[in-house]
């Protein structure tokens, strides 16, 4: 008799508009986006919070609580801020 296995891993809540986030440092530093940007990323993106303004496909537009431009980052490089 076969028994279906239940996936007991907790899945992360998807990020959506209005979510407070920070950037996953290792994921970002190994990415194509990091290679196309300044040599050293500003510390505030890893500390958070940034707010997601819009989501399109695999990218989210993020606004920081500083006088800096909004940026588009891949969603898999972001995590909930706590």
Protein backbone atom coordinates (compact mmCIF):
# COMPACT_ATOMS: atom_id res chain seq x y z
CA UNK A 1 0.00 0.00 0.00
CA UNK A 2 1.44 3.38 -1.01
CA UNK A 3 1.21 6.31 1.33
CA UNK A 4 1.38 9.84 -0.02
CA UNK A 5 4.06 11.87 1.65
CA UNK A 6 3.04 15.26 2.90
CA UNK A 7 5.50 18.10 2.44
CA UNK A 8 5.95 19.50 5.93
CA UNK A 9 8.21 22.38 4.94
CA UNK A 10 6.79 25.76 5.71
CA UNK A 11 6.51 27.82 2.59
CA UNK A 12 7.38 31.48 2.81
CA UNK A 13 4.59 33.93 2.24
CA UNK A 14 4.89 35.51 -1.19
CA UNK A 15 6.07 39.09 -1.21
CA UNK A 16 3.53 41.56 -2.46
CA UNK A 17 2.81 45.27 -2.69
CA UNK A 18 3.23 47.04 0.64
CA UNK A 19 5.50 44.38 2.18
CA UNK A 20 8.50 45.57 4.18
CA UNK A 21 11.63 43.82 2.96
CA UNK A 22 15.40 43.67 3.00
CA UNK A 23 17.81 42.24 0.44
CA UNK A 24 19.39 38.81 0.97
CA UNK A 25 23.07 39.73 0.89
CA UNK A 26 24.51 36.49 -0.52
CA UNK A 27 21.84 36.16 -3.20
CA UNK A 28 22.30 39.75 -4.32
CA UNK A 29 26.12 39.79 -4.32
CA UNK A 30 26.22 36.67 -6.54
CA UNK A 31 23.74 38.11 -9.04
CA UNK A 32 23.96 39.73 -12.44
CA UNK A 33 22.33 42.86 -10.96
CA UNK A 34 25.19 43.29 -8.49
CA UNK A 35 27.75 42.95 -11.27
CA UNK A 36 26.00 45.70 -13.24
CA UNK A 37 25.91 48.09 -10.24
CA UNK A 38 28.42 49.86 -8.02
CA UNK A 39 31.22 47.71 -6.64
CA UNK A 40 29.87 47.92 -3.11
CA UNK A 41 26.16 47.90 -2.42
CA UNK A 42 24.90 50.32 0.23
CA UNK A 43 24.39 48.75 3.66
CA UNK A 44 20.80 50.02 3.97
CA UNK A 45 19.51 47.55 1.37
CA UNK A 46 20.63 44.63 3.55
CA UNK A 47 19.33 46.18 6.78
CA UNK A 48 15.93 47.35 5.52
CA UNK A 49 13.21 48.19 5.62
CA UNK A 50 12.34 48.83 2.04
CA UNK A 51 8.75 48.84 0.84
CA UNK A 52 7.54 47.01 -2.26
CA UNK A 53 5.68 49.45 -4.47
CA UNK A 54 4.89 47.14 -7.38
CA UNK A 55 5.45 43.58 -8.53
CA UNK A 56 5.83 42.62 -12.20
CA UNK A 57 6.83 39.08 -13.04
CA UNK A 58 9.96 38.12 -11.12
CA UNK A 59 10.79 41.70 -10.10
CA UNK A 60 9.65 44.10 -7.39
CA UNK A 61 10.00 47.88 -7.30
CA UNK A 62 11.42 48.85 -3.90
CA UNK A 63 11.40 52.23 -2.17
CA UNK A 64 13.77 52.85 0.74
CA UNK A 65 13.02 55.26 3.57
CA UNK A 66 15.92 57.41 2.45
CA UNK A 67 16.29 60.08 -0.24
CA UNK A 68 17.41 57.58 -2.90
CA UNK A 69 15.78 56.43 -6.14
CA UNK A 70 13.40 53.46 -6.24
CA UNK A 71 14.97 50.27 -7.62
CA UNK A 72 13.79 47.08 -9.30
CA UNK A 73 15.15 43.87 -7.76
CA UNK A 74 14.43 40.19 -8.33
CA UNK A 75 11.93 38.86 -5.81
CA UNK A 76 14.10 35.83 -5.01
CA UNK A 77 16.74 38.26 -3.67
CA UNK A 78 14.29 39.74 -1.15
CA UNK A 79 13.06 38.57 2.24
CA UNK A 80 10.58 39.87 4.78
CA UNK A 81 12.02 42.48 7.12
CA UNK A 82 11.71 41.84 10.81
